[in-house]
Protein backbone atom coordinates (compact mmCIF):
# COMPACT_ATOMS: atom_id res chain seq x y z
CA MET A 1 33.86 -1.21 -30.57
CA ALA A 2 30.38 -0.35 -30.18
CA PRO A 3 27.83 -3.22 -30.95
CA ASP A 4 26.84 -3.49 -34.73
CA HIS A 5 23.18 -3.11 -34.77
CA GLY A 6 23.06 -3.68 -38.11
CA MET A 7 23.95 -7.60 -37.87
CA PRO A 8 21.93 -9.83 -39.76
CA GLU A 9 18.67 -11.44 -38.05
CA ALA A 10 19.84 -14.66 -39.18
CA TRP A 11 22.73 -14.42 -36.72
CA ARG A 12 20.29 -13.99 -33.76
CA PRO A 13 18.73 -16.69 -31.89
CA ASN A 14 15.22 -15.32 -31.60
CA ALA A 15 14.07 -17.37 -34.62
CA LEU A 16 15.32 -20.60 -33.11
CA ILE A 17 13.62 -20.04 -30.10
CA ASN A 18 10.19 -19.02 -31.72
CA ARG A 19 10.48 -21.56 -33.96
CA LEU A 20 11.07 -24.27 -31.20
CA TYR A 21 8.19 -22.88 -28.91
CA GLU A 22 5.69 -23.24 -31.96
CA ARG A 23 7.10 -26.83 -32.47
CA SER A 24 6.37 -27.44 -28.94
CA VAL A 25 2.87 -26.17 -28.46
CA SER A 26 1.79 -27.63 -31.47
CA LYS A 27 2.16 -31.13 -30.02
CA HIS A 28 0.32 -30.31 -26.41
CA ALA A 29 -2.73 -32.15 -25.75
CA ASP A 30 -6.09 -30.29 -25.30
CA ILE A 31 -7.48 -32.04 -22.63
CA ALA A 32 -10.51 -29.61 -22.42
CA ALA A 33 -11.10 -31.06 -26.16
CA LEU A 34 -11.56 -34.42 -24.97
CA PRO A 35 -14.76 -36.03 -23.98
CA LEU A 36 -15.60 -35.46 -20.19
CA GLU A 37 -15.37 -39.25 -19.68
CA GLU A 38 -11.69 -39.17 -21.36
CA GLN A 39 -10.66 -36.16 -19.46
CA GLU A 40 -9.59 -37.45 -16.14
CA ALA A 41 -7.46 -40.21 -17.67
CA ALA A 42 -5.54 -37.54 -19.90
CA ARG A 43 -5.16 -35.60 -16.53
CA ALA A 44 -3.68 -38.29 -14.96
CA GLU A 45 -1.27 -38.99 -17.86
CA LEU A 46 -0.01 -35.46 -17.62
CA ARG A 47 0.21 -35.67 -13.95
CA GLY A 48 2.67 -38.52 -14.27
CA LYS A 49 4.59 -36.49 -16.70
CA LEU A 50 4.93 -33.48 -14.24
CA LYS A 51 6.14 -35.97 -11.41
CA GLU A 52 8.68 -37.17 -13.81
CA LEU A 53 10.22 -33.94 -15.12
CA LEU A 54 10.16 -32.17 -11.63
CA GLY A 55 12.08 -34.88 -10.47
CA SER A 56 12.68 -34.93 -6.40
CA ILE A 57 9.63 -36.49 -5.58
CA PRO A 58 10.79 -39.61 -3.39
CA GLU A 59 8.24 -42.32 -3.30
CA GLN A 60 8.77 -43.13 0.47
CA ALA A 61 8.34 -40.36 2.92
CA ASP A 62 10.71 -40.13 6.00
CA GLU A 63 9.30 -39.79 9.24
CA LEU A 64 8.39 -36.12 10.19
CA SER A 65 9.52 -35.97 13.46
CA ALA A 66 8.25 -32.66 14.16
CA VAL A 67 9.57 -30.15 16.58
CA VAL A 68 8.01 -27.07 17.95
CA MET A 69 10.73 -24.22 18.56
CA GLU A 70 8.91 -21.50 19.96
CA SER A 71 5.65 -20.19 20.66
CA VAL A 72 4.40 -16.58 20.77
CA ASP A 73 1.13 -15.06 21.95
CA CYS A 74 0.22 -12.30 19.19
CA GLY A 75 -3.14 -11.24 20.51
CA ASP A 76 -5.57 -13.22 18.37
CA TYR A 77 -3.47 -15.96 17.62
CA ILE A 78 -0.68 -17.99 18.56
CA ARG A 79 2.55 -18.10 16.04
CA GLU A 80 4.75 -21.11 16.39
CA LYS A 81 7.92 -21.96 14.51
CA VAL A 82 8.31 -25.77 13.88
CA GLU A 83 10.62 -27.92 12.01
CA PHE A 84 10.07 -31.34 10.48
CA ARG A 85 11.86 -33.51 8.25
CA THR A 86 10.96 -33.79 4.44
CA TYR A 87 13.74 -36.28 2.98
CA ASP A 88 17.48 -37.35 2.61
CA ASP A 89 18.05 -35.77 6.20
CA LEU A 90 16.51 -32.48 5.16
CA THR A 91 14.59 -30.30 7.66
CA THR A 92 12.24 -27.58 6.77
CA LEU A 93 11.06 -24.65 8.81
CA ALA A 94 7.78 -23.26 9.07
CA TYR A 95 5.56 -21.16 10.99
CA VAL A 96 2.13 -22.21 11.97
CA LEU A 97 -0.55 -19.46 13.04
CA VAL A 98 -3.55 -20.95 15.15
CA PRO A 99 -6.33 -18.54 16.01
CA LYS A 100 -7.04 -18.66 19.66
CA ALA A 101 -10.77 -19.56 19.04
CA ALA A 102 -9.26 -22.83 17.35
CA ALA A 103 -6.82 -23.10 20.07
CA ALA A 104 -9.55 -23.20 22.76
CA SER A 105 -11.94 -25.31 20.86
CA GLY A 106 -10.73 -28.65 21.94
CA SER A 107 -11.82 -31.53 19.61
CA GLU A 108 -13.29 -28.94 17.13
CA ARG A 109 -11.26 -29.04 13.78
CA ARG A 110 -10.80 -25.72 11.85
CA PRO A 111 -9.82 -25.45 7.95
CA ALA A 112 -6.27 -24.67 7.38
CA VAL A 113 -4.51 -22.71 4.42
CA LEU A 114 -0.73 -23.24 3.43
CA ALA A 115 0.67 -19.64 2.92
CA VAL A 116 3.45 -19.93 0.20
CA HIS A 117 5.86 -17.07 -0.08
CA GLY A 118 8.20 -16.40 -3.34
CA HIS A 119 10.98 -14.31 -3.73
CA GLY A 120 12.19 -12.06 -0.49
CA TYR A 121 13.48 -12.96 2.88
CA GLY A 122 11.37 -15.99 3.48
CA SER A 123 8.65 -17.30 5.58
CA LYS A 124 8.96 -14.33 8.11
CA GLU A 125 7.80 -12.01 5.36
CA VAL A 126 4.28 -13.52 4.98
CA VAL A 127 3.41 -14.05 8.98
CA GLY A 128 4.39 -10.23 9.65
CA LEU A 129 8.03 -10.32 10.84
CA THR A 130 10.86 -8.40 9.63
CA PRO A 131 14.27 -10.47 8.44
CA THR A 132 15.37 -10.42 11.92
CA GLY A 133 12.36 -11.73 13.58
CA GLU A 134 11.08 -8.66 15.10
CA ASP A 135 7.16 -7.33 14.64
CA ASN A 136 6.98 -5.77 11.04
CA THR A 137 4.92 -2.69 11.68
CA GLY A 138 6.19 -0.95 8.47
CA ASN A 139 5.70 -1.54 4.91
CA PRO A 140 4.33 -5.17 4.51
CA ASN A 141 5.32 -4.93 0.76
CA LEU A 142 3.91 -7.26 -1.90
CA TYR A 143 2.98 -10.25 0.59
CA LYS A 144 0.94 -8.04 2.54
CA HIS A 145 1.56 -10.45 5.71
CA PHE A 146 -1.14 -12.52 4.01
CA ALA A 147 -0.73 -15.42 6.46
CA VAL A 148 -1.91 -13.08 9.09
CA GLU A 149 -4.86 -12.02 7.15
CA LEU A 150 -6.08 -15.72 6.61
CA ALA A 151 -5.55 -16.46 10.50
CA ARG A 152 -7.65 -13.09 11.35
CA ARG A 153 -10.50 -14.94 9.08
CA GLY A 154 -10.29 -18.27 11.32
CA PHE A 155 -8.04 -20.21 9.32
CA VAL A 156 -5.02 -22.54 10.82
CA VAL A 157 -2.12 -21.23 8.91
CA ILE A 158 1.07 -22.95 8.07
CA ALA A 159 3.91 -20.81 6.07
CA PRO A 160 6.58 -23.06 4.82
CA GLU A 161 10.10 -21.74 4.60
CA LEU A 162 11.02 -22.64 0.69
CA LEU A 163 14.29 -24.11 0.08
CA GLY A 164 16.88 -21.34 -0.61
CA PHE A 165 15.52 -18.41 1.00
CA GLY A 166 15.69 -16.99 4.62
CA GLU A 167 17.18 -19.41 7.25
CA ARG A 168 17.36 -22.32 4.58
CA ARG A 169 20.00 -20.43 2.45
CA MET A 170 23.38 -22.22 1.61
CA ALA A 171 25.76 -21.82 3.99
CA GLU A 172 27.75 -19.89 1.67
CA ASP A 173 24.95 -17.32 1.39
CA ALA A 174 23.57 -17.29 4.73
CA LYS A 175 25.70 -14.08 5.65
CA ALA A 176 24.46 -12.20 2.67
CA GLU A 177 21.79 -9.43 2.97
CA PRO A 178 18.53 -10.35 4.22
CA GLY A 179 16.83 -10.49 0.82
CA GLY A 180 19.26 -12.84 -0.82
CA ASN A 181 18.49 -16.39 -1.86
CA SER A 182 20.35 -19.47 -3.19
CA CYS A 183 18.26 -20.07 -5.93
CA PHE A 184 20.87 -20.01 -8.76
CA ARG A 185 23.24 -22.25 -6.89
CA LEU A 186 20.72 -24.83 -5.91
CA ALA A 187 18.85 -24.74 -9.25
CA SER A 188 22.19 -25.30 -11.53
CA SER A 189 23.40 -27.95 -9.12
CA LEU A 190 20.12 -29.79 -9.16
CA MET A 191 19.95 -29.67 -12.89
CA LEU A 192 23.41 -31.26 -13.01
CA MET A 193 21.95 -33.98 -11.35
CA GLY A 194 18.84 -34.65 -13.31
CA GLN A 195 16.60 -32.73 -10.32
CA SER A 196 14.98 -29.40 -10.13
CA LEU A 197 14.70 -26.91 -7.41
CA ALA A 198 10.99 -26.37 -8.10
CA GLY A 199 10.70 -30.36 -7.71
CA VAL A 200 12.24 -29.99 -3.96
CA ARG A 201 10.07 -27.32 -3.40
CA VAL A 202 6.81 -29.00 -4.66
CA TYR A 203 7.75 -32.07 -2.60
CA GLU A 204 8.48 -30.24 0.57
CA LEU A 205 4.95 -28.35 0.43
CA LEU A 206 3.32 -31.81 0.00
CA ARG A 207 5.14 -32.95 3.20
CA THR A 208 3.88 -29.60 4.79
CA VAL A 209 0.23 -31.13 3.98
CA ASP A 210 1.53 -34.39 5.73
CA TYR A 211 2.56 -32.18 8.57
CA ALA A 212 -1.03 -30.54 8.45
CA PHE A 213 -2.69 -33.87 9.11
CA THR A 214 -1.00 -34.21 12.19
CA ARG A 215 -2.31 -30.87 14.10
CA PRO A 216 -5.02 -31.54 16.24
CA GLU A 217 -6.46 -28.26 15.16
CA ILE A 218 -6.96 -28.88 11.59
CA ASP A 219 -9.81 -30.67 9.60
CA PRO A 220 -7.68 -32.86 7.08
CA GLN A 221 -10.67 -32.54 4.83
CA ARG A 222 -10.62 -29.19 4.57
CA ILE A 223 -7.25 -27.79 3.55
CA GLY A 224 -6.33 -25.19 1.25
CA VAL A 225 -3.08 -23.39 -0.24
CA MET A 226 -2.36 -19.86 -1.19
CA GLY A 227 1.01 -18.58 -2.82
CA MET A 228 2.44 -15.72 -4.44
CA SER A 229 4.64 -15.38 -7.52
CA GLY A 230 7.36 -17.96 -7.42
CA GLY A 231 5.31 -19.34 -4.27
CA GLY A 232 2.57 -19.34 -6.98
CA MET A 233 4.33 -21.53 -9.21
CA VAL A 234 4.82 -24.20 -6.27
CA THR A 235 1.44 -23.88 -4.94
CA ALA A 236 -0.02 -24.67 -8.60
CA LEU A 237 2.19 -27.53 -8.94
CA ALA A 238 1.64 -29.23 -5.76
CA SER A 239 -1.84 -28.47 -6.08
CA ALA A 240 -1.93 -30.09 -9.35
CA LEU A 241 -0.16 -33.26 -8.11
CA ASP A 242 -2.02 -33.72 -4.59
CA GLU A 243 -5.91 -33.79 -4.27
CA ARG A 244 -5.66 -33.22 -0.68
CA PHE A 245 -5.77 -29.57 -1.43
CA GLY A 246 -9.31 -28.38 -1.52
CA ALA A 247 -8.93 -24.92 -2.88
CA THR A 248 -6.27 -23.13 -4.32
CA VAL A 249 -5.36 -19.63 -5.08
CA VAL A 250 -2.53 -18.80 -7.38
CA SER A 251 -1.53 -14.83 -7.08
CA GLY A 252 0.98 -12.98 -9.18
CA TYR A 253 2.11 -16.03 -11.27
CA THR A 254 -0.59 -17.47 -13.89
CA ASN A 255 0.56 -16.62 -17.20
CA LEU A 256 1.95 -18.08 -20.35
CA PHE A 257 5.69 -19.15 -20.29
CA LYS A 258 5.79 -17.13 -23.71
CA THR A 259 4.73 -14.00 -22.42
CA SER A 260 6.44 -14.16 -18.78
CA ILE A 261 9.18 -16.80 -18.08
CA MET A 262 10.67 -16.81 -21.83
CA ASP A 263 10.01 -12.90 -22.23
CA ARG A 264 12.77 -11.64 -19.40
CA ASN A 265 15.38 -13.01 -17.13
CA HIS A 266 13.88 -14.90 -14.47
CA CYS A 267 15.43 -16.35 -11.32
CA LEU A 268 16.39 -19.91 -12.62
CA ASP A 269 14.11 -21.71 -10.12
CA ASN A 270 11.60 -20.77 -12.73
CA TYR A 271 12.91 -23.18 -15.17
CA VAL A 272 11.70 -27.08 -15.24
CA PRO A 273 13.67 -28.62 -18.12
CA GLY A 274 11.31 -30.15 -20.66
CA LEU A 275 8.30 -28.35 -19.20
CA LEU A 276 7.24 -26.70 -22.10
CA GLN A 277 7.28 -29.79 -24.48
CA TYR A 278 3.77 -31.11 -22.78
CA GLY A 279 1.97 -28.12 -21.90
CA GLU A 280 1.83 -24.21 -21.39
CA MET A 281 1.58 -22.83 -17.94
CA PRO A 282 -2.54 -22.97 -18.01
CA ASP A 283 -2.06 -26.58 -19.00
CA TRP A 284 -0.09 -27.47 -15.95
CA ILE A 285 -2.50 -25.33 -13.59
CA GLY A 286 -5.40 -26.83 -15.03
CA LEU A 287 -4.76 -29.98 -13.98
CA ILE A 288 -6.03 -29.17 -10.68
CA ALA A 289 -9.23 -29.18 -12.11
CA PRO A 290 -12.28 -29.88 -11.49
CA ARG A 291 -11.02 -28.76 -7.82
CA PRO A 292 -11.70 -25.07 -6.89
CA LEU A 293 -9.31 -22.75 -8.02
CA PHE A 294 -9.09 -18.79 -7.84
CA ILE A 295 -6.48 -16.79 -9.90
CA GLU A 296 -5.35 -13.13 -8.73
CA SER A 297 -3.30 -11.10 -11.12
CA GLY A 298 -2.33 -7.12 -10.86
CA SER A 299 -2.89 -5.19 -14.06
CA GLY A 300 0.19 -3.49 -13.45
CA ASP A 301 2.38 -6.43 -13.16
CA THR A 302 5.70 -6.06 -14.65
CA VAL A 303 7.02 -9.50 -13.71
CA PHE A 304 4.08 -11.60 -15.11
CA PRO A 305 2.51 -9.08 -17.42
CA ILE A 306 -1.38 -8.95 -17.44
CA ARG A 307 -1.49 -9.58 -21.17
CA GLY A 308 -0.45 -13.16 -20.60
CA SER A 309 -2.77 -13.29 -17.49
CA ARG A 310 -5.50 -12.81 -19.29
CA GLU A 311 -5.07 -15.22 -21.99
CA ALA A 312 -4.46 -18.06 -19.28
CA VAL A 313 -7.14 -17.01 -17.57
CA ALA A 314 -9.26 -17.62 -20.52
CA ARG A 315 -7.78 -21.11 -21.20
CA LEU A 316 -8.37 -22.21 -17.69
CA GLN A 317 -12.05 -21.01 -17.82
CA ARG A 318 -12.51 -22.95 -20.61
CA ILE A 319 -10.67 -26.17 -18.90
CA TYR A 320 -13.12 -25.80 -16.05
CA ASP A 321 -16.07 -25.42 -18.44
CA SER A 322 -15.28 -28.48 -20.12
CA ALA A 323 -14.73 -30.33 -17.11
CA ASN A 324 -18.43 -29.34 -16.29
CA ASN A 325 -17.24 -27.21 -13.25
CA GLY A 326 -17.00 -23.73 -14.55
CA GLU A 327 -18.15 -22.31 -11.19
CA ALA A 328 -15.39 -23.77 -9.39
CA PHE A 329 -13.00 -21.43 -10.88
CA GLY A 330 -12.99 -17.87 -10.41
CA TYR A 331 -10.29 -15.22 -10.70
CA GLU A 332 -9.81 -11.23 -10.19
CA ILE A 333 -7.96 -8.80 -12.21
CA PHE A 334 -7.34 -6.07 -9.47
CA GLU A 335 -5.69 -2.62 -9.85
CA GLY A 336 -2.13 -3.29 -8.58
CA LYS A 337 1.30 -4.32 -9.36
CA HIS A 338 3.08 -7.64 -8.38
CA GLU A 339 1.65 -8.25 -5.18
CA ILE A 340 -1.04 -10.15 -3.17
CA SER A 341 -4.68 -8.71 -3.67
CA GLY A 342 -6.86 -10.51 -1.22
CA ALA A 343 -9.83 -8.26 -2.02
CA GLN A 344 -11.70 -11.24 -3.33
CA SER A 345 -9.45 -14.19 -2.65
CA TYR A 346 -9.71 -14.16 1.23
CA GLN A 347 -13.23 -14.60 1.21
CA TRP A 348 -13.34 -17.11 -1.73
CA LEU A 349 -11.13 -19.36 0.54
CA VAL A 350 -13.64 -18.85 3.45
CA SER A 351 -16.53 -19.73 1.16
CA GLN A 352 -14.55 -22.89 -0.26
CA LEU A 353 -13.43 -24.25 3.28
CA MET A 354 -15.45 -22.83 5.85
CA SER A 355 -19.10 -23.78 4.78
């Protein structure tokens, strides 16, 4: 039987969702409206709530027990593949790109950037490799090998493999096509246990900072992070929690929950139960303030539509202005789709971390 498009609107859940959304946002604290001397305490309180909602943030860190698995000469930089422990016997993988100038400098330490991928085939996608590990001389797609671009600008770059992608998929998914992931299986299972996949990924990114501190080439006072799409989410939330990030770039993510995550079917890893009860997306990203933050969004992005991105950028500018550090916030809305730009963000990172 064909669907009855004349069904009463009262039968549909749209009105319920809209009403619950409006009820939630009406209760959100407006930190930007507070006197400057009260803002940091309010941000600290909201950070505590974020940590609670994410779950999976252990108080006691395991030993890293880092191992270099391979080292490859890539011409102007060395690419290492490393592994280190995060928690509960979980081991993560990462690629480390070390410019040869940094490798040859001896005791001189360099700034570093963590390069965080989103959906796709994992960290190989951002360091210029194919899913099977060969040099990718073809289409760099939405990530545009941005880890390599940053290494060629003098940064030591660490590109971690987010849980659920690439070589870190569940055993049941590991034989599937390379671009597949374990996001739904992991996120749904973790939700049943009161945890979130976002929380695990955020914590592992913070452990990647711990690992960066052990690298002799890296200056621990000059560490930045850049993430794209789902990696932008992890980047934003991790940077909101951890002040060791001295500069943050969020690409292809910044928006409103209402106009992006709630507006279409997204992967389950984008959903953190309860998050919208306390803040819209710019409120959470705004916890990075007053530290430096740069946003880039494509005008033709259909995953995180530009209308919501423009509103989020306006809200973030207000947050930074209210914190008396408006110049620490920057953004680019570029002609493009759901993809890395780099036209301004790469040089912005240079200006923040190499001066």
